[in-house]
Protein backbone atom coordinates (compact mmCIF):
# COMPACT_ATOMS: atom_id res chain seq x y z
CA MET A 1 131.01 -19.93 238.83
CA ASN A 2 127.28 -19.54 239.37
CA LEU A 3 126.14 -21.50 242.44
CA ARG A 4 123.10 -22.91 240.66
CA VAL A 5 125.26 -24.38 237.92
CA LEU A 6 127.63 -25.78 240.54
CA GLU A 7 124.72 -27.38 242.39
CA VAL A 8 123.47 -29.06 239.21
CA LEU A 9 126.96 -30.32 238.33
CA ILE A 10 127.47 -31.73 241.80
CA ALA A 11 124.05 -33.41 241.74
CA VAL A 12 124.81 -35.06 238.40
CA GLY A 13 128.24 -36.14 239.66
CA CYS A 14 126.75 -37.61 242.82
CA LEU A 15 124.14 -39.46 240.80
CA ALA A 16 126.87 -40.90 238.57
CA LEU A 17 128.81 -41.95 241.68
CA PHE A 18 125.70 -43.60 243.12
CA ILE A 19 125.05 -45.56 239.93
CA ALA A 20 128.70 -46.63 239.76
CA LEU A 21 128.56 -47.81 243.36
CA LEU A 22 125.32 -49.70 242.72
CA VAL A 23 126.97 -51.53 239.85
CA THR A 24 130.38 -52.26 241.34
CA LEU A 25 129.84 -52.86 245.05
CA PRO A 26 127.55 -55.91 244.77
CA ALA A 27 130.05 -57.51 242.40
CA LEU A 28 132.90 -56.84 244.82
CA MET A 29 130.97 -57.99 247.88
CA ALA A 30 129.67 -61.34 246.63
CA GLY A 31 127.38 -62.93 249.17
CA MET A 32 126.62 -59.63 250.92
CA GLU A 33 124.69 -57.78 248.23
CA GLY A 34 122.24 -56.24 250.69
CA LEU A 35 125.04 -54.64 252.67
CA ALA A 36 126.61 -53.39 249.43
CA TYR A 37 123.41 -51.55 248.51
CA VAL A 38 123.21 -49.99 251.97
CA ILE A 39 126.86 -48.87 251.77
CA ALA A 40 126.22 -47.36 248.32
CA LEU A 41 123.25 -45.42 249.68
CA VAL A 42 125.15 -44.20 252.76
CA VAL A 43 128.11 -43.04 250.63
CA PHE A 44 125.74 -41.24 248.25
CA ILE A 45 123.98 -39.44 251.09
CA ALA A 46 127.29 -38.51 252.75
CA VAL A 47 128.80 -37.10 249.55
CA LEU A 48 125.65 -35.17 248.62
CA SER A 49 125.32 -33.77 252.14
CA THR A 50 128.95 -32.70 252.24
CA ALA A 51 128.62 -31.02 248.85
CA GLY A 52 125.47 -29.21 249.95
CA TYR A 53 127.12 -28.01 253.15
CA THR A 54 130.13 -26.75 251.19
CA ILE A 55 127.95 -24.89 248.69
CA ASP A 56 125.97 -23.38 251.56
CA LYS A 57 129.17 -22.08 253.12
CA MET A 58 130.21 -20.60 249.76
CA ALA A 59 126.87 -18.79 249.42
CA ALA A 60 127.08 -17.21 252.87
């Protein structure tokens, strides 16, 4: 598969994951909504970074 297409698909998937986390985590963590948003952001950054590192290794 073309790496550019794979990058776009991973970016869209990570964005969908981020939106899902933004919707579900505050509902699950009632009373700690601020922490839920921070956790959602940290998970998003971790998943996107891992995907980027993996794609970079595939390109090399």
